Amino acid sequence: MKNNPLIPYTLIMAFGIALIFFMSFEGAADKNSADGDHAGETAELSGEDIAQKNCISCHGGDLTGGGGPSIVGLDAEHIKDVALNGTESGAMPPILKNEAEAEAVAEYISGL
């Protein structure tokens, strides 16, 4: 009786499929635990760090304008309101959900 040459390939394929399912479930579990580990991480950032992370892509590296208008020197309350709620036109979406972060960003930008 001769050995079937397809058996090793079939075993490798079955092992690969099982590994894909295992890694998918393991990765999903790791992602969920990682989200919980870093939930408060942005609260520790300064207003400058948060602005650099969230604002420069539209308002430019020095926040004087780019795709969006200059926001340097705007009123802190206005900046905080827009960061939390966006604008009525929808041109600026709300970017922050944490009021403490919004206050830090507003203080930083209004002081420029």
PDB file of N, CA and C in Angstrom:
ATOM      1  N   MET A   1       0.842  -1.164   0.000  1.00  0.00           N
ATOM      2  CA  MET A   1       0.000   0.000   0.000  1.00  0.00           C
ATOM      3  C   MET A   1       0.898   1.242   0.000  1.00  0.00           C
ATOM      4  N   LYS A   2       0.620   2.169  -0.918  1.00  0.00           N
ATOM      5  CA  LYS A   2       1.398   3.392  -1.026  1.00  0.00           C
ATOM      6  C   LYS A   2       0.801   4.487  -0.147  1.00  0.00           C
ATOM      7  N   ASN A   3       1.661   5.378   0.323  1.00  0.00           N
ATOM      8  CA  ASN A   3       1.191   6.527   1.106  1.00  0.00           C
ATOM      9  C   ASN A   3       0.548   7.540   0.180  1.00  0.00           C
ATOM     10  N   ASN A   4      -0.517   8.136   0.659  1.00  0.00           N
ATOM     11  CA  ASN A   4      -1.212   9.159  -0.101  1.00  0.00           C
ATOM     12  C   ASN A   4      -0.431  10.467   0.029  1.00  0.00           C
ATOM     13  N   PRO A   5       0.026  11.084  -1.088  1.00  0.00           N
ATOM     14  CA  PRO A   5       0.825  12.311  -1.001  1.00  0.00           C
ATOM     15  C   PRO A   5       0.027  13.535  -0.550  1.00  0.00           C
ATOM     16  N   LEU A   6      -1.292  13.464  -0.533  1.00  0.00           N
ATOM     17  CA  LEU A   6      -2.107  14.605  -0.128  1.00  0.00           C
ATOM     18  C   LEU A   6      -2.267  14.721   1.385  1.00  0.00           C
ATOM     19  N   ILE A   7      -1.985  13.665   2.113  1.00  0.00           N
ATOM     20  CA  ILE A   7      -2.184  13.673   3.563  1.00  0.00           C
ATOM     21  C   ILE A   7      -1.341  14.754   4.248  1.00  0.00           C
ATOM     22  N   PRO A   8      -0.046  14.884   3.979  1.00  0.00           N
ATOM     23  CA  PRO A   8       0.712  15.948   4.670  1.00  0.00           C
ATOM     24  C   PRO A   8       0.172  17.351   4.354  1.00  0.00           C
ATOM     25  N   TYR A   9      -0.200  17.580   3.116  1.00  0.00           N
ATOM     26  CA  TYR A   9      -0.734  18.886   2.746  1.00  0.00           C
ATOM     27  C   TYR A   9      -2.079  19.152   3.427  1.00  0.00           C
ATOM     28  N   THR A  10      -2.902  18.140   3.532  1.00  0.00           N
ATOM     29  CA  THR A  10      -4.192  18.280   4.195  1.00  0.00           C
ATOM     30  C   THR A  10      -4.000  18.573   5.677  1.00  0.00           C
ATOM     31  N   LEU A  11      -3.055  17.906   6.304  1.00  0.00           N
ATOM     32  CA  LEU A  11      -2.775  18.156   7.720  1.00  0.00           C
ATOM     33  C   LEU A  11      -2.243  19.576   7.938  1.00  0.00           C
ATOM     34  N   ILE A  12      -1.362  20.024   7.077  1.00  0.00           N
ATOM     35  CA  ILE A  12      -0.823  21.379   7.188  1.00  0.00           C
ATOM     36  C   ILE A  12      -1.936  22.406   7.005  1.00  0.00           C
ATOM     37  N   MET A  13      -2.816  22.170   6.042  1.00  0.00           N
ATOM     38  CA  MET A  13      -3.930  23.079   5.804  1.00  0.00           C
ATOM     39  C   MET A  13      -4.861  23.120   7.023  1.00  0.00           C
ATOM     40  N   ALA A  14      -5.196  21.978   7.576  1.00  0.00           N
ATOM     41  CA  ALA A  14      -6.081  21.928   8.744  1.00  0.00           C
ATOM     42  C   ALA A  14      -5.435  22.633   9.931  1.00  0.00           C
ATOM     43  N   PHE A  15      -4.127  22.419  10.126  1.00  0.00           N
ATOM     44  CA  PHE A  15      -3.414  23.085  11.205  1.00  0.00           C
ATOM     45  C   PHE A  15      -3.422  24.602  10.989  1.00  0.00           C
ATOM     46  N   GLY A  16      -3.208  25.049   9.779  1.00  0.00           N
ATOM     47  CA  GLY A  16      -3.201  26.475   9.465  1.00  0.00           C
ATOM     48  C   GLY A  16      -4.547  27.125   9.726  1.00  0.00           C
ATOM     49  N   ILE A  17      -5.619  26.475   9.317  1.00  0.00           N
ATOM     50  CA  ILE A  17      -6.961  27.020   9.544  1.00  0.00           C
ATOM     51  C   ILE A  17      -7.256  27.097  11.039  1.00  0.00           C
ATOM     52  N   ALA A  18      -6.893  26.049  11.781  1.00  0.00           N
ATOM     53  CA  ALA A  18      -7.103  26.055  13.234  1.00  0.00           C
ATOM     54  C   ALA A  18      -6.288  27.179  13.884  1.00  0.00           C
ATOM     55  N   LEU A  19      -5.079  27.388  13.416  1.00  0.00           N
ATOM     56  CA  LEU A  19      -4.222  28.439  13.952  1.00  0.00           C
ATOM     57  C   LEU A  19      -4.810  29.823  13.672  1.00  0.00           C
ATOM     58  N   ILE A  20      -5.377  30.016  12.508  1.00  0.00           N
ATOM     59  CA  ILE A  20      -5.999  31.299  12.166  1.00  0.00           C
ATOM     60  C   ILE A  20      -7.155  31.597  13.120  1.00  0.00           C
ATOM     61  N   PHE A  21      -8.014  30.603  13.372  1.00  0.00           N
ATOM     62  CA  PHE A  21      -9.127  30.813  14.298  1.00  0.00           C
ATOM     63  C   PHE A  21      -8.629  31.097  15.705  1.00  0.00           C
ATOM     64  N   PHE A  22      -7.641  30.358  16.164  1.00  0.00           N
ATOM     65  CA  PHE A  22      -7.095  30.569  17.500  1.00  0.00           C
ATOM     66  C   PHE A  22      -6.508  31.972  17.633  1.00  0.00           C
ATOM     67  N   MET A  23      -5.711  32.380  16.654  1.00  0.00           N
ATOM     68  CA  MET A  23      -5.075  33.694  16.714  1.00  0.00           C
ATOM     69  C   MET A  23      -6.115  34.815  16.636  1.00  0.00           C
ATOM     70  N   SER A  24      -7.189  34.617  15.893  1.00  0.00           N
ATOM     71  CA  SER A  24      -8.242  35.629  15.807  1.00  0.00           C
ATOM     72  C   SER A  24      -8.901  35.833  17.160  1.00  0.00           C
ATOM     73  N   PHE A  25      -9.258  34.748  17.825  1.00  0.00           N
ATOM     74  CA  PHE A  25      -9.893  34.866  19.135  1.00  0.00           C
ATOM     75  C   PHE A  25      -8.922  35.403  20.176  1.00  0.00           C
ATOM     76  N   GLU A  26      -7.686  34.977  20.117  1.00  0.00           N
ATOM     77  CA  GLU A  26      -6.669  35.452  21.049  1.00  0.00           C
ATOM     78  C   GLU A  26      -6.412  36.942  20.843  1.00  0.00           C
ATOM     79  N   GLY A  27      -6.328  37.379  19.596  1.00  0.00           N
ATOM     80  CA  GLY A  27      -6.113  38.794  19.296  1.00  0.00           C
ATOM     81  C   GLY A  27      -7.274  39.658  19.751  1.00  0.00           C
ATOM     82  N   ALA A  28      -8.498  39.181  19.575  1.00  0.00           N
ATOM     83  CA  ALA A  28      -9.666  39.942  20.017  1.00  0.00           C
ATOM     84  C   ALA A  28      -9.660  40.090  21.531  1.00  0.00           C
ATOM     85  N   ALA A  29      -9.285  39.052  22.242  1.00  0.00           N
ATOM     86  CA  ALA A  29      -9.205  39.130  23.703  1.00  0.00           C
ATOM     87  C   ALA A  29      -8.107  40.092  24.129  1.00  0.00           C
ATOM     88  N   ASP A  30      -6.964  40.066  23.452  1.00  0.00           N
ATOM     89  CA  ASP A  30      -5.869  40.978  23.785  1.00  0.00           C
ATOM     90  C   ASP A  30      -6.264  42.426  23.527  1.00  0.00           C
ATOM     91  N   LYS A  31      -6.994  42.673  22.437  1.00  0.00           N
ATOM     92  CA  LYS A  31      -7.419  44.039  22.123  1.00  0.00           C
ATOM     93  C   LYS A  31      -8.347  44.561  23.202  1.00  0.00           C
ATOM     94  N   ASN A  32      -9.286  43.742  23.645  1.00  0.00           N
ATOM     95  CA  ASN A  32     -10.220  44.182  24.678  1.00  0.00           C
ATOM     96  C   ASN A  32      -9.499  44.499  25.979  1.00  0.00           C
ATOM     97  N   SER A  33      -8.525  43.702  26.354  1.00  0.00           N
ATOM     98  CA  SER A  33      -7.801  43.979  27.588  1.00  0.00           C
ATOM     99  C   SER A  33      -6.898  45.188  27.423  1.00  0.00           C
ATOM    100  N   ALA A  34      -6.353  45.407  26.237  1.00  0.00           N
ATOM    101  CA  ALA A  34      -5.495  46.560  25.999  1.00  0.00           C
ATOM    102  C   ALA A  34      -6.298  47.849  26.050  1.00  0.00           C
ATOM    103  N   ASP A  35      -7.539  47.827  25.559  1.00  0.00           N
ATOM    104  CA  ASP A  35      -8.380  49.018  25.614  1.00  0.00           C
ATOM    105  C   ASP A  35      -8.618  49.431  27.059  1.00  0.00           C
ATOM    106  N   GLY A  36      -8.829  48.486  27.924  1.00  0.00           N
ATOM    107  CA  GLY A  36      -9.037  48.782  29.335  1.00  0.00           C
ATOM    108  C   GLY A  36      -7.780  49.286  30.010  1.00  0.00           C
ATOM    109  N   ASP A  37      -6.625  48.816  29.599  1.00  0.00           N
ATOM    110  CA  ASP A  37      -5.366  49.221  30.227  1.00  0.00           C
ATOM    111  C   ASP A  37      -5.026  50.667  29.947  1.00  0.00           C
ATOM    112  N   HIS A  38      -5.446  51.204  28.808  1.00  0.00           N
ATOM    113  CA  HIS A  38      -5.045  52.543  28.393  1.00  0.00           C
ATOM    114  C   HIS A  38      -6.201  53.537  28.384  1.00  0.00           C
ATOM    115  N   ALA A  39      -7.282  53.207  29.061  1.00  0.00           N
ATOM    116  CA  ALA A  39      -8.468  54.057  28.983  1.00  0.00           C
ATOM    117  C   ALA A  39      -8.219  55.466  29.488  1.00  0.00           C
ATOM    118  N   GLY A  40      -7.446  55.641  30.552  1.00  0.00           N
ATOM    119  CA  GLY A  40      -7.218  56.966  31.102  1.00  0.00           C
ATOM    120  C   GLY A  40      -5.930  57.602  30.643  1.00  0.00           C
ATOM    121  N   GLU A  41      -5.278  57.023  29.674  1.00  0.00           N
ATOM    122  CA  GLU A  41      -3.951  57.480  29.276  1.00  0.00           C
ATOM    123  C   GLU A  41      -3.952  58.903  28.741  1.00  0.00           C
ATOM    124  N   THR A  42      -4.945  59.284  27.937  1.00  0.00           N
ATOM    125  CA  THR A  42      -4.919  60.622  27.344  1.00  0.00           C
ATOM    126  C   THR A  42      -5.195  61.707  28.374  1.00  0.00           C
ATOM    127  N   ALA A  43      -5.825  61.358  29.504  1.00  0.00           N
ATOM    128  CA  ALA A  43      -6.094  62.354  30.527  1.00  0.00           C
ATOM    129  C   ALA A  43      -4.790  62.886  31.123  1.00  0.00           C
ATOM    130  N   GLU A  44      -3.706  62.142  31.004  1.00  0.00           N
ATOM    131  CA  GLU A  44      -2.431  62.554  31.558  1.00  0.00           C
ATOM    132  C   GLU A  44      -1.651  63.455  30.607  1.00  0.00           C
ATOM    133  N   LEU A  45      -2.099  63.605  29.378  1.00  0.00           N
ATOM    134  CA  LEU A  45      -1.390  64.428  28.413  1.00  0.00           C
ATOM    135  C   LEU A  45      -1.657  65.902  28.681  1.00  0.00           C
ATOM    136  N   SER A  46      -0.702  66.736  28.307  1.00  0.00           N
ATOM    137  CA  SER A  46      -0.882  68.180  28.449  1.00  0.00           C
ATOM    138  C   SER A  46      -1.755  68.695  27.317  1.00  0.00           C
ATOM    139  N   GLY A  47      -2.224  69.930  27.471  1.00  0.00           N
ATOM    140  CA  GLY A  47      -3.017  70.546  26.414  1.00  0.00           C
ATOM    141  C   GLY A  47      -2.256  70.623  25.113  1.00  0.00           C
ATOM    142  N   GLU A  48      -0.949  70.900  25.204  1.00  0.00           N
ATOM    143  CA  GLU A  48      -0.121  70.968  23.995  1.00  0.00           C
ATOM    144  C   GLU A  48      -0.039  69.602  23.321  1.00  0.00           C
ATOM    145  N   ASP A  49       0.151  68.549  24.112  1.00  0.00           N
ATOM    146  CA  ASP A  49       0.236  67.201  23.545  1.00  0.00           C
ATOM    147  C   ASP A  49      -1.069  66.798  22.863  1.00  0.00           C
ATOM    148  N   ILE A  50      -2.178  67.097  23.506  1.00  0.00           N
ATOM    149  CA  ILE A  50      -3.482  66.747  22.939  1.00  0.00           C
ATOM    150  C   ILE A  50      -3.734  67.540  21.662  1.00  0.00           C
ATOM    151  N   ALA A  51      -3.371  68.822  21.659  1.00  0.00           N
ATOM    152  CA  ALA A  51      -3.547  69.650  20.460  1.00  0.00           C
ATOM    153  C   ALA A  51      -2.671  69.133  19.329  1.00  0.00           C
ATOM    154  N   GLN A  52      -1.440  68.774  19.625  1.00  0.00           N
ATOM    155  CA  GLN A  52      -0.552  68.239  18.599  1.00  0.00           C
ATOM    156  C   GLN A  52      -1.098  66.933  18.037  1.00  0.00           C
ATOM    157  N   LYS A  53      -1.699  66.137  18.873  1.00  0.00           N
ATOM    158  CA  LYS A  53      -2.238  64.843  18.439  1.00  0.00           C
ATOM    159  C   LYS A  53      -3.522  64.998  17.613  1.00  0.00           C
ATOM    160  N   ASN A  54      -4.368  65.968  17.963  1.00  0.00           N
ATOM    161  CA  ASN A  54      -5.695  66.060  17.359  1.00  0.00           C
ATOM    162  C   ASN A  54      -5.915  67.224  16.406  1.00  0.00           C
ATOM    163  N   CYS A  55      -5.137  68.289  16.503  1.00  0.00           N
ATOM    164  CA  CYS A  55      -5.470  69.526  15.789  1.00  0.00           C
ATOM    165  C   CYS A  55      -4.578  69.827  14.588  1.00  0.00           C
ATOM    166  N   ILE A  56      -3.319  69.395  14.640  1.00  0.00           N
ATOM    167  CA  ILE A  56      -2.383  69.841  13.605  1.00  0.00           C
ATOM    168  C   ILE A  56      -2.693  69.290  12.219  1.00  0.00           C
ATOM    169  N   SER A  57      -3.395  68.180  12.145  1.00  0.00           N
ATOM    170  CA  SER A  57      -3.676  67.621  10.823  1.00  0.00           C
ATOM    171  C   SER A  57      -4.544  68.559   9.987  1.00  0.00           C
ATOM    172  N   CYS A  58      -5.401  69.337  10.625  1.00  0.00           N
ATOM    173  CA  CYS A  58      -6.255  70.275   9.885  1.00  0.00           C
ATOM    174  C   CYS A  58      -5.820  71.731  10.035  1.00  0.00           C
ATOM    175  N   HIS A  59      -5.355  72.100  11.223  1.00  0.00           N
ATOM    176  CA  HIS A  59      -5.068  73.504  11.508  1.00  0.00           C
ATOM    177  C   HIS A  59      -3.587  73.853  11.373  1.00  0.00           C
ATOM    178  N   GLY A  60      -2.778  72.929  10.915  1.00  0.00           N
ATOM    179  CA  GLY A  60      -1.361  73.187  10.687  1.00  0.00           C
ATOM    180  C   GLY A  60      -0.511  72.964  11.923  1.00  0.00           C
ATOM    181  N   GLY A  61       0.775  72.773  11.707  1.00  0.00           N
ATOM    182  CA  GLY A  61       1.700  72.480  12.790  1.00  0.00           C
ATOM    183  C   GLY A  61       1.775  73.560  13.846  1.00  0.00           C
ATOM    184  N   ASP A  62       1.582  74.806  13.450  1.00  0.00           N
ATOM    185  CA  ASP A  62       1.608  75.906  14.420  1.00  0.00           C
ATOM    186  C   ASP A  62       0.191  76.414  14.718  1.00  0.00           C
ATOM    187  N   LEU A  63      -0.813  75.694  14.241  1.00  0.00           N
ATOM    188  CA  LEU A  63      -2.239  75.965  14.462  1.00  0.00           C
ATOM    189  C   LEU A  63      -2.703  77.293  13.864  1.00  0.00           C
ATOM    190  N   THR A  64      -1.938  77.835  12.912  1.00  0.00           N
ATOM    191  CA  THR A  64      -2.324  79.094  12.273  1.00  0.00           C
ATOM    192  C   THR A  64      -3.071  78.877  10.967  1.00  0.00           C
ATOM    193  N   GLY A  65      -3.444  77.667  10.685  1.00  0.00           N
ATOM    194  CA  GLY A  65      -4.232  77.394   9.493  1.00  0.00           C
ATOM    195  C   GLY A  65      -3.586  76.359   8.609  1.00  0.00           C
ATOM    196  N   GLY A  66      -4.388  75.648   7.931  1.00  0.00           N
ATOM    197  CA  GLY A  66      -3.986  74.591   7.010  1.00  0.00           C
ATOM    198  C   GLY A  66      -5.239  74.268   6.223  1.00  0.00           C
ATOM    199  N   GLY A  67      -5.743  73.052   6.373  1.00  0.00           N
ATOM    200  CA  GLY A  67      -7.029  72.704   5.791  1.00  0.00           C
ATOM    201  C   GLY A  67      -8.166  73.412   6.513  1.00  0.00           C
ATOM    202  N   GLY A  68      -7.931  73.691   7.791  1.00  0.00           N
ATOM    203  CA  GLY A  68      -8.888  74.430   8.606  1.00  0.00           C
ATOM    204  C   GLY A  68      -8.335  75.807   8.918  1.00  0.00           C
ATOM    205  N   PRO A  69      -9.144  76.658   9.532  1.00  0.00           N
ATOM    206  CA  PRO A  69      -8.698  78.029   9.819  1.00  0.00           C
ATOM    207  C   PRO A  69      -7.709  78.086  10.979  1.00  0.00           C
ATOM    208  N   SER A  70      -7.117  79.252  11.161  1.00  0.00           N
ATOM    209  CA  SER A  70      -6.248  79.495  12.301  1.00  0.00           C
ATOM    210  C   SER A  70      -7.087  79.451  13.577  1.00  0.00           C
ATOM    211  N   ILE A  71      -6.572  78.786  14.593  1.00  0.00           N
ATOM    212  CA  ILE A  71      -7.275  78.740  15.875  1.00  0.00           C
ATOM    213  C   ILE A  71      -6.455  79.391  16.988  1.00  0.00           C
ATOM    214  N   VAL A  72      -5.340  79.987  16.619  1.00  0.00           N
ATOM    215  CA  VAL A  72      -4.474  80.639  17.599  1.00  0.00           C
ATOM    216  C   VAL A  72      -5.181  81.859  18.179  1.00  0.00           C
ATOM    217  N   GLY A  73      -5.172  81.958  19.507  1.00  0.00           N
ATOM    218  CA  GLY A  73      -5.725  83.124  20.181  1.00  0.00           C
ATOM    219  C   GLY A  73      -7.234  83.159  20.306  1.00  0.00           C
ATOM    220  N   LEU A  74      -7.933  82.102  19.915  1.00  0.00           N
ATOM    221  CA  LEU A  74      -9.383  82.091  20.078  1.00  0.00           C
ATOM    222  C   LEU A  74      -9.737  82.003  21.558  1.00  0.00           C
ATOM    223  N   ASP A  75     -10.958  82.380  21.880  1.00  0.00           N
ATOM    224  CA  ASP A  75     -11.470  82.335  23.242  1.00  0.00           C
ATOM    225  C   ASP A  75     -11.487  80.890  23.752  1.00  0.00           C
ATOM    226  N   ALA A  76     -11.034  80.678  24.985  1.00  0.00           N
ATOM    227  CA  ALA A  76     -10.928  79.329  25.551  1.00  0.00           C
ATOM    228  C   ALA A  76     -12.279  78.620  25.616  1.00  0.00           C
ATOM    229  N   GLU A  77     -13.344  79.342  25.987  1.00  0.00           N
ATOM    230  CA  GLU A  77     -14.673  78.723  26.066  1.00  0.00           C
ATOM    231  C   GLU A  77     -15.149  78.260  24.694  1.00  0.00           C
ATOM    232  N   HIS A  78     -14.872  79.054  23.664  1.00  0.00           N
ATOM    233  CA  HIS A  78     -15.257  78.683  22.293  1.00  0.00           C
ATOM    234  C   HIS A  78     -14.494  77.430  21.855  1.00  0.00           C
ATOM    235  N   ILE A  79     -13.210  77.397  22.128  1.00  0.00           N
ATOM    236  CA  ILE A  79     -12.392  76.242  21.750  1.00  0.00           C
ATOM    237  C   ILE A  79     -12.895  74.989  22.456  1.00  0.00           C
ATOM    238  N   LYS A  80     -13.168  75.102  23.735  1.00  0.00           N
ATOM    239  CA  LYS A  80     -13.664  73.961  24.515  1.00  0.00           C
ATOM    240  C   LYS A  80     -14.996  73.464  23.956  1.00  0.00           C
ATOM    241  N   ASP A  81     -15.912  74.395  23.662  1.00  0.00           N
ATOM    242  CA  ASP A  81     -17.220  74.028  23.123  1.00  0.00           C
ATOM    243  C   ASP A  81     -17.093  73.307  21.788  1.00  0.00           C
ATOM    244  N   VAL A  82     -16.267  73.824  20.904  1.00  0.00           N
ATOM    245  CA  VAL A  82     -16.099  73.207  19.581  1.00  0.00           C
ATOM    246  C   VAL A  82     -15.397  71.847  19.704  1.00  0.00           C
ATOM    247  N   ALA A  83     -14.418  71.741  20.586  1.00  0.00           N
ATOM    248  CA  ALA A  83     -13.714  70.467  20.758  1.00  0.00           C
ATOM    249  C   ALA A  83     -14.655  69.382  21.265  1.00  0.00           C
ATOM    250  N   LEU A  84     -15.606  69.762  22.111  1.00  0.00           N
ATOM    251  CA  LEU A  84     -16.546  68.787  22.675  1.00  0.00           C
ATOM    252  C   LEU A  84     -17.761  68.538  21.789  1.00  0.00           C
ATOM    253  N   ASN A  85     -18.241  69.574  21.082  1.00  0.00           N
ATOM    254  CA  ASN A  85     -19.507  69.469  20.348  1.00  0.00           C
ATOM    255  C   ASN A  85     -19.399  69.630  18.840  1.00  0.00           C
ATOM    256  N   GLY A  86     -18.261  70.073  18.337  1.00  0.00           N
ATOM    257  CA  GLY A  86     -18.128  70.341  16.911  1.00  0.00           C
ATOM    258  C   GLY A  86     -18.824  71.645  16.557  1.00  0.00           C
ATOM    259  N   THR A  87     -18.894  71.936  15.268  1.00  0.00           N
ATOM    260  CA  THR A  87     -19.591  73.141  14.816  1.00  0.00           C
ATOM    261  C   THR A  87     -20.948  72.772  14.244  1.00  0.00           C
ATOM    262  N   GLU A  88     -21.843  73.754  14.170  1.00  0.00           N
ATOM    263  CA  GLU A  88     -23.186  73.503  13.648  1.00  0.00           C
ATOM    264  C   GLU A  88     -23.154  73.063  12.193  1.00  0.00           C
ATOM    265  N   SER A  89     -22.218  73.617  11.427  1.00  0.00           N
ATOM    266  CA  SER A  89     -22.138  73.270  10.004  1.00  0.00           C
ATOM    267  C   SER A  89     -21.610  71.851   9.788  1.00  0.00           C
ATOM    268  N   GLY A  90     -20.960  71.316  10.801  1.00  0.00           N
ATOM    269  CA  GLY A  90     -20.375  69.984  10.663  1.00  0.00           C
ATOM    270  C   GLY A  90     -18.985  69.999  10.067  1.00  0.00           C
ATOM    271  N   ALA A  91     -18.477  71.193   9.733  1.00  0.00           N
ATOM    272  CA  ALA A  91     -17.133  71.284   9.167  1.00  0.00           C
ATOM    273  C   ALA A  91     -16.084  70.831  10.171  1.00  0.00           C
ATOM    274  N   MET A  92     -16.345  71.062  11.443  1.00  0.00           N
ATOM    275  CA  MET A  92     -15.452  70.622  12.502  1.00  0.00           C
ATOM    276  C   MET A  92     -16.210  69.635  13.376  1.00  0.00           C
ATOM    277  N   PRO A  93     -15.826  68.364  13.356  1.00  0.00           N
ATOM    278  CA  PRO A  93     -16.509  67.380  14.191  1.00  0.00           C
ATOM    279  C   PRO A  93     -16.030  67.488  15.643  1.00  0.00           C
ATOM    280  N   PRO A  94     -16.815  66.973  16.580  1.00  0.00           N
ATOM    281  CA  PRO A  94     -16.312  66.935  17.955  1.00  0.00           C
ATOM    282  C   PRO A  94     -15.109  65.987  18.014  1.00  0.00           C
ATOM    283  N   ILE A  95     -14.016  66.425  18.623  1.00  0.00           N
ATOM    284  CA  ILE A  95     -12.816  65.588  18.642  1.00  0.00           C
ATOM    285  C   ILE A  95     -12.486  65.051  20.016  1.00  0.00           C
ATOM    286  N   LEU A  96     -13.042  65.647  21.069  1.00  0.00           N
ATOM    287  CA  LEU A  96     -12.742  65.203  22.421  1.00  0.00           C
ATOM    288  C   LEU A  96     -14.031  64.860  23.150  1.00  0.00           C
ATOM    289  N   LYS A  97     -13.971  63.869  24.006  1.00  0.00           N
ATOM    290  CA  LYS A  97     -15.129  63.477  24.809  1.00  0.00           C
ATOM    291  C   LYS A  97     -14.913  63.795  26.276  1.00  0.00           C
ATOM    292  N   ASN A  98     -13.678  64.035  26.649  1.00  0.00           N
ATOM    293  CA  ASN A  98     -13.309  64.270  28.027  1.00  0.00           C
ATOM    294  C   ASN A  98     -13.231  65.774  28.272  1.00  0.00           C
ATOM    295  N   GLU A  99     -14.008  66.270  29.225  1.00  0.00           N
ATOM    296  CA  GLU A  99     -14.052  67.713  29.486  1.00  0.00           C
ATOM    297  C   GLU A  99     -12.717  68.241  30.003  1.00  0.00           C
ATOM    298  N   ALA A 100     -11.999  67.450  30.787  1.00  0.00           N
ATOM    299  CA  ALA A 100     -10.701  67.890  31.304  1.00  0.00           C
ATOM    300  C   ALA A 100      -9.705  68.082  30.161  1.00  0.00           C
ATOM    301  N   GLU A 101      -9.737  67.166  29.181  1.00  0.00           N
ATOM    302  CA  GLU A 101      -8.863  67.311  28.010  1.00  0.00           C
ATOM    303  C   GLU A 101      -9.233  68.563  27.226  1.00  0.00           C
ATOM    304  N   ALA A 102     -10.526  68.792  27.052  1.00  0.00           N
ATOM    305  CA  ALA A 102     -10.981  69.961  26.303  1.00  0.00           C
ATOM    306  C   ALA A 102     -10.546  71.252  26.992  1.00  0.00           C
ATOM    307  N   GLU A 103     -10.619  71.291  28.311  1.00  0.00           N
ATOM    308  CA  GLU A 103     -10.171  72.473  29.049  1.00  0.00           C
ATOM    309  C   GLU A 103      -8.673  72.692  28.875  1.00  0.00           C
ATOM    310  N   ALA A 104      -7.896  71.606  28.942  1.00  0.00           N
ATOM    311  CA  ALA A 104      -6.447  71.718  28.788  1.00  0.00           C
ATOM    312  C   ALA A 104      -6.089  72.232  27.394  1.00  0.00           C
ATOM    313  N   VAL A 105      -6.740  71.698  26.375  1.00  0.00           N
ATOM    314  CA  VAL A 105      -6.483  72.138  24.998  1.00  0.00           C
ATOM    315  C   VAL A 105      -6.900  73.599  24.824  1.00  0.00           C
ATOM    316  N   ALA A 106      -8.057  73.973  25.360  1.00  0.00           N
ATOM    317  CA  ALA A 106      -8.551  75.338  25.224  1.00  0.00           C
ATOM    318  C   ALA A 106      -7.595  76.332  25.889  1.00  0.00           C
ATOM    319  N   GLU A 107      -7.114  75.984  27.068  1.00  0.00           N
ATOM    320  CA  GLU A 107      -6.162  76.874  27.755  1.00  0.00           C
ATOM    321  C   GLU A 107      -4.872  77.020  26.944  1.00  0.00           C
ATOM    322  N   TYR A 108      -4.389  75.902  26.403  1.00  0.00           N
ATOM    323  CA  TYR A 108      -3.146  75.945  25.623  1.00  0.00           C
ATOM    324  C   TYR A 108      -3.313  76.805  24.371  1.00  0.00           C
ATOM    325  N   ILE A 109      -4.366  76.532  23.596  1.00  0.00           N
ATOM    326  CA  ILE A 109      -4.540  77.230  22.316  1.00  0.00           C
ATOM    327  C   ILE A 109      -4.856  78.705  22.535  1.00  0.00           C
ATOM    328  N   SER A 110      -5.698  79.030  23.507  1.00  0.00           N
ATOM    329  CA  SER A 110      -6.045  80.434  23.737  1.00  0.00           C
ATOM    330  C   SER A 110      -4.842  81.229  24.239  1.00  0.00           C
ATOM    331  N   GLY A 111      -3.851  80.546  24.789  1.00  0.00           N
ATOM    332  CA  GLY A 111      -2.666  81.229  25.263  1.00  0.00           C
ATOM    333  C   GLY A 111      -1.584  81.421  24.204  1.00  0.00           C
ATOM    334  N   LEU A 112      -1.808  80.907  23.004  1.00  0.00           N
ATOM    335  CA  LEU A 112      -0.802  81.045  21.946  1.00  0.00           C
ATOM    336  C   LEU A 112      -0.779  82.460  21.385  1.00  0.00           C
TER     337      LEU A 112
END
